[in-house]
Amino acid sequence: MHSLKVCVPETDYLQAERQEPTKREYLAGEVRALAGASEPHHIIVLLVQDRMHAEHYVRQPDGQWSRTAYDHPKQSVVLHSAAVALPRWAIYEGISLSQEA
């Protein structure tokens, strides 16, 4: 028996994703459930959750990705598209880390 794959328009996926309590991924028109994660992960979202470390990826005009790593506690994660700089310590405030960086 074959399973039927339904292609979902990206706009429909994005609208539904904003309302869902669980997160899913969208790949080539297909929506898939993501595996569960820890509470700290949900609070800080796609940052390292057991130590103070952040990696920021930015797509360049040529389609390549540039990566900036933030390892020093006094560094700020700079999001040019949102015109903000987030101090790393503030991002992790209230998160219990299993080991300090």
N, C-alpha and C. Protein backbone atom coordinates (compact mmCIF):
# COMPACT_ATOMS: atom_id res chain seq x y z
N MET A 1 0.84 -1.17 0.00
CA MET A 1 0.00 0.00 0.00
C MET A 1 0.89 1.24 0.00
N HIS A 2 0.60 2.20 -0.84
CA HIS A 2 1.37 3.43 -0.94
C HIS A 2 0.70 4.53 -0.13
N SER A 3 1.55 5.35 0.50
CA SER A 3 0.98 6.49 1.22
C SER A 3 0.85 7.67 0.27
N LEU A 4 -0.17 8.44 0.47
CA LEU A 4 -0.45 9.59 -0.37
C LEU A 4 0.25 10.81 0.21
N LYS A 5 1.08 11.48 -0.61
CA LYS A 5 1.75 12.70 -0.17
C LYS A 5 0.97 13.89 -0.69
N VAL A 6 0.66 14.78 0.21
CA VAL A 6 -0.09 15.97 -0.15
C VAL A 6 0.85 17.17 -0.08
N CYS A 7 0.94 17.91 -1.15
CA CYS A 7 1.75 19.13 -1.16
C CYS A 7 0.96 20.27 -0.55
N VAL A 8 1.56 20.90 0.42
CA VAL A 8 0.93 22.00 1.14
C VAL A 8 1.59 23.30 0.69
N PRO A 9 0.81 24.30 0.31
CA PRO A 9 1.41 25.60 -0.03
C PRO A 9 2.14 26.18 1.19
N GLU A 10 3.26 26.82 0.95
CA GLU A 10 4.06 27.38 2.03
C GLU A 10 3.27 28.36 2.90
N THR A 11 2.43 29.17 2.29
CA THR A 11 1.63 30.13 3.06
C THR A 11 0.67 29.43 4.02
N ASP A 12 0.08 28.31 3.59
CA ASP A 12 -0.81 27.55 4.46
C ASP A 12 -0.04 26.96 5.63
N TYR A 13 1.16 26.44 5.34
CA TYR A 13 2.00 25.87 6.39
C TYR A 13 2.34 26.94 7.43
N LEU A 14 2.79 28.12 6.97
CA LEU A 14 3.19 29.18 7.89
C LEU A 14 2.02 29.64 8.76
N GLN A 15 0.86 29.77 8.16
CA GLN A 15 -0.32 30.20 8.93
C GLN A 15 -0.67 29.16 9.99
N ALA A 16 -0.67 27.90 9.63
CA ALA A 16 -1.00 26.83 10.59
C ALA A 16 0.07 26.71 11.67
N GLU A 17 1.33 26.90 11.29
CA GLU A 17 2.44 26.75 12.24
C GLU A 17 2.36 27.77 13.36
N ARG A 18 1.89 28.96 13.08
CA ARG A 18 1.76 30.01 14.11
C ARG A 18 0.74 29.63 15.17
N GLN A 19 -0.20 28.77 14.83
CA GLN A 19 -1.28 28.42 15.75
C GLN A 19 -1.05 27.08 16.45
N GLU A 20 -0.11 26.29 15.95
CA GLU A 20 0.13 24.95 16.50
C GLU A 20 0.97 25.00 17.77
N PRO A 21 0.64 24.22 18.79
CA PRO A 21 1.47 24.16 19.99
C PRO A 21 2.75 23.35 19.76
N THR A 22 2.73 22.44 18.80
CA THR A 22 3.93 21.67 18.46
C THR A 22 4.47 22.17 17.14
N LYS A 23 5.75 22.00 16.93
CA LYS A 23 6.38 22.51 15.73
C LYS A 23 6.59 21.40 14.71
N ARG A 24 6.50 21.81 13.46
CA ARG A 24 6.70 20.89 12.35
C ARG A 24 7.67 21.53 11.38
N GLU A 25 8.20 20.73 10.47
CA GLU A 25 9.08 21.28 9.44
C GLU A 25 8.41 21.18 8.08
N TYR A 26 8.79 22.08 7.20
CA TYR A 26 8.24 22.14 5.85
C TYR A 26 9.38 21.90 4.88
N LEU A 27 9.27 20.88 4.04
CA LEU A 27 10.31 20.56 3.08
C LEU A 27 9.67 20.12 1.77
N ALA A 28 9.87 20.92 0.74
CA ALA A 28 9.38 20.60 -0.60
C ALA A 28 7.88 20.29 -0.62
N GLY A 29 7.11 21.08 0.11
CA GLY A 29 5.66 20.91 0.10
C GLY A 29 5.15 19.87 1.08
N GLU A 30 6.05 19.20 1.77
CA GLU A 30 5.65 18.17 2.72
C GLU A 30 5.86 18.67 4.15
N VAL A 31 4.88 18.43 5.02
CA VAL A 31 4.95 18.86 6.41
C VAL A 31 5.20 17.63 7.27
N ARG A 32 6.22 17.73 8.13
CA ARG A 32 6.58 16.60 9.01
C ARG A 32 6.68 17.09 10.45
N ALA A 33 6.29 16.23 11.37
CA ALA A 33 6.40 16.55 12.79
C ALA A 33 7.86 16.51 13.20
N LEU A 34 8.25 17.41 14.09
CA LEU A 34 9.59 17.42 14.64
C LEU A 34 9.60 16.66 15.96
N ALA A 35 10.73 16.08 16.27
CA ALA A 35 10.87 15.37 17.53
C ALA A 35 10.80 16.36 18.68
N GLY A 36 10.36 15.91 19.83
CA GLY A 36 10.26 16.78 21.00
C GLY A 36 11.62 17.24 21.47
N ALA A 37 11.64 18.31 22.23
CA ALA A 37 12.87 18.87 22.77
C ALA A 37 12.66 19.24 24.22
N SER A 38 13.76 19.56 24.89
CA SER A 38 13.68 19.91 26.31
C SER A 38 13.07 21.30 26.49
N GLU A 39 12.60 21.58 27.68
CA GLU A 39 12.03 22.89 27.98
C GLU A 39 13.03 24.02 27.74
N PRO A 40 14.31 23.90 28.19
CA PRO A 40 15.27 24.97 27.89
C PRO A 40 15.41 25.20 26.39
N HIS A 41 15.37 24.14 25.61
CA HIS A 41 15.48 24.30 24.16
C HIS A 41 14.30 25.10 23.62
N HIS A 42 13.11 24.82 24.11
CA HIS A 42 11.94 25.55 23.66
C HIS A 42 12.00 27.03 24.05
N ILE A 43 12.62 27.31 25.18
CA ILE A 43 12.71 28.70 25.65
C ILE A 43 13.71 29.48 24.81
N ILE A 44 14.91 28.90 24.54
CA ILE A 44 15.94 29.65 23.84
C ILE A 44 15.93 29.39 22.34
N VAL A 45 15.34 28.32 21.81
CA VAL A 45 15.15 28.02 20.41
C VAL A 45 16.40 28.22 19.61
N LEU A 46 16.96 26.71 18.66
CA LEU A 46 18.07 26.43 17.79
C LEU A 46 19.36 27.07 18.15
N LEU A 47 19.71 27.70 19.81
CA LEU A 47 20.96 27.98 20.53
C LEU A 47 21.36 26.71 21.27
N VAL A 48 22.62 26.61 21.60
CA VAL A 48 23.08 25.47 22.41
C VAL A 48 22.41 25.58 23.77
N GLN A 49 21.88 24.46 24.28
CA GLN A 49 21.08 24.54 25.50
C GLN A 49 21.79 24.09 26.77
N ASP A 50 23.02 23.56 26.65
CA ASP A 50 23.69 23.12 27.86
C ASP A 50 24.92 23.96 28.20
N ARG A 51 25.20 24.99 27.39
CA ARG A 51 26.28 25.93 27.66
C ARG A 51 26.00 27.20 26.87
N MET A 52 26.66 28.28 27.23
CA MET A 52 26.42 29.56 26.56
C MET A 52 27.21 29.62 25.25
N HIS A 53 26.54 29.24 24.18
CA HIS A 53 27.15 29.27 22.85
C HIS A 53 26.05 29.52 21.83
N ALA A 54 26.31 30.42 20.91
CA ALA A 54 25.33 30.71 19.86
C ALA A 54 26.04 30.73 18.52
N GLU A 55 25.35 30.28 17.50
CA GLU A 55 25.84 30.38 16.13
C GLU A 55 24.75 31.06 15.32
N HIS A 56 25.13 32.06 14.57
CA HIS A 56 24.19 32.82 13.77
C HIS A 56 24.55 32.65 12.30
N TYR A 57 23.59 32.17 11.52
CA TYR A 57 23.80 31.96 10.10
C TYR A 57 23.03 33.01 9.32
N VAL A 58 23.68 33.58 8.30
CA VAL A 58 23.05 34.59 7.47
C VAL A 58 23.29 34.21 6.01
N ARG A 59 22.21 34.15 5.23
CA ARG A 59 22.35 33.85 3.81
C ARG A 59 22.89 35.08 3.10
N GLN A 60 23.92 34.87 2.29
CA GLN A 60 24.56 35.94 1.55
C GLN A 60 23.88 36.11 0.19
N PRO A 61 24.11 37.25 -0.47
CA PRO A 61 23.48 37.48 -1.78
C PRO A 61 23.77 36.40 -2.81
N ASP A 62 24.92 35.72 -2.68
CA ASP A 62 25.26 34.67 -3.64
C ASP A 62 24.65 33.31 -3.27
N GLY A 63 23.83 33.28 -2.20
CA GLY A 63 23.17 32.04 -1.79
C GLY A 63 23.95 31.24 -0.77
N GLN A 64 25.20 31.59 -0.52
CA GLN A 64 26.00 30.90 0.48
C GLN A 64 25.61 31.39 1.88
N TRP A 65 25.98 30.61 2.89
CA TRP A 65 25.68 30.97 4.27
C TRP A 65 26.96 31.41 4.97
N SER A 66 26.90 32.50 5.74
CA SER A 66 28.03 32.88 6.61
C SER A 66 27.63 32.53 8.03
N ARG A 67 28.62 32.14 8.83
CA ARG A 67 28.36 31.72 10.21
C ARG A 67 29.19 32.57 11.15
N THR A 68 28.56 33.05 12.21
CA THR A 68 29.25 33.76 13.28
C THR A 68 29.00 32.99 14.57
N ALA A 69 30.08 32.66 15.26
CA ALA A 69 29.97 31.95 16.54
C ALA A 69 30.16 32.95 17.68
N TYR A 70 29.34 32.81 18.71
CA TYR A 70 29.41 33.67 19.88
C TYR A 70 29.72 32.79 21.08
N ASP A 71 30.95 32.94 21.62
CA ASP A 71 31.38 32.11 22.75
C ASP A 71 31.69 32.91 24.01
N HIS A 72 31.91 34.19 23.87
CA HIS A 72 32.27 35.01 25.02
C HIS A 72 31.00 35.54 25.69
N PRO A 73 30.89 35.42 27.01
CA PRO A 73 29.67 35.85 27.70
C PRO A 73 29.27 37.30 27.46
N LYS A 74 30.22 38.17 27.16
CA LYS A 74 29.90 39.58 26.97
C LYS A 74 29.57 39.94 25.52
N GLN A 75 29.65 38.96 24.62
CA GLN A 75 29.28 39.22 23.23
C GLN A 75 27.77 39.35 23.10
N SER A 76 27.36 40.10 22.09
CA SER A 76 25.94 40.21 21.76
C SER A 76 25.70 39.57 20.40
N VAL A 77 24.60 38.87 20.29
CA VAL A 77 24.19 38.29 19.02
C VAL A 77 23.52 39.41 18.24
N VAL A 78 24.11 39.75 17.10
CA VAL A 78 23.62 40.88 16.31
C VAL A 78 22.72 40.36 15.19
N LEU A 79 21.50 40.84 15.17
CA LEU A 79 20.53 40.49 14.13
C LEU A 79 20.26 41.75 13.31
N HIS A 80 21.02 41.92 12.24
CA HIS A 80 20.90 43.13 11.43
C HIS A 80 19.50 43.29 10.84
N SER A 81 18.89 42.17 10.43
CA SER A 81 17.57 42.26 9.80
C SER A 81 16.51 42.79 10.75
N ALA A 82 16.70 42.60 12.06
CA ALA A 82 15.75 43.11 13.05
C ALA A 82 16.29 44.34 13.77
N ALA A 83 17.51 44.76 13.41
CA ALA A 83 18.16 45.92 14.02
C ALA A 83 18.25 45.80 15.53
N VAL A 84 18.70 44.62 16.00
CA VAL A 84 18.87 44.41 17.45
C VAL A 84 20.19 43.71 17.72
N ALA A 85 20.68 43.91 18.93
CA ALA A 85 21.84 43.19 19.44
C ALA A 85 21.42 42.60 20.78
N LEU A 86 21.45 41.28 20.88
CA LEU A 86 21.00 40.59 22.09
C LEU A 86 22.21 40.12 22.89
N PRO A 87 22.41 40.66 24.10
CA PRO A 87 23.51 40.18 24.92
C PRO A 87 23.32 38.69 25.21
N ARG A 88 24.39 37.94 25.01
CA ARG A 88 24.27 36.49 25.18
C ARG A 88 23.81 36.11 26.58
N TRP A 89 24.30 36.81 27.60
CA TRP A 89 23.89 36.49 28.96
C TRP A 89 22.38 36.67 29.13
N ALA A 90 21.80 37.68 28.44
CA ALA A 90 20.37 37.93 28.57
C ALA A 90 19.55 36.85 27.87
N ILE A 91 20.08 36.32 26.77
CA ILE A 91 19.38 35.25 26.05
C ILE A 91 19.25 34.02 26.94
N TYR A 92 20.29 33.75 27.72
CA TYR A 92 20.30 32.56 28.57
C TYR A 92 19.78 32.82 29.99
N GLU A 93 19.36 34.03 30.28
CA GLU A 93 18.87 34.36 31.61
C GLU A 93 17.68 33.45 31.97
N GLY A 94 17.75 32.84 33.14
CA GLY A 94 16.68 31.96 33.61
C GLY A 94 16.81 30.53 33.13
N ILE A 95 17.84 30.24 32.33
CA ILE A 95 18.09 28.87 31.84
C ILE A 95 19.14 28.24 32.72
N SER A 96 18.86 27.07 33.23
CA SER A 96 19.82 26.33 34.05
C SER A 96 20.71 25.50 33.12
N LEU A 97 22.00 25.85 33.11
CA LEU A 97 22.95 25.17 32.21
C LEU A 97 23.60 24.01 32.94
N SER A 98 23.83 22.91 32.21
CA SER A 98 24.46 21.75 32.83
C SER A 98 25.96 21.95 32.98
N GLN A 99 26.53 22.80 32.16
CA GLN A 99 27.95 23.14 32.28
C GLN A 99 28.16 24.55 31.74
N GLU A 100 29.02 25.28 32.38
CA GLU A 100 29.30 26.66 31.96
C GLU A 100 30.38 26.64 30.90
N ALA A 101 30.25 27.53 29.92
CA ALA A 101 31.27 27.64 28.86
C ALA A 101 32.43 28.46 29.36
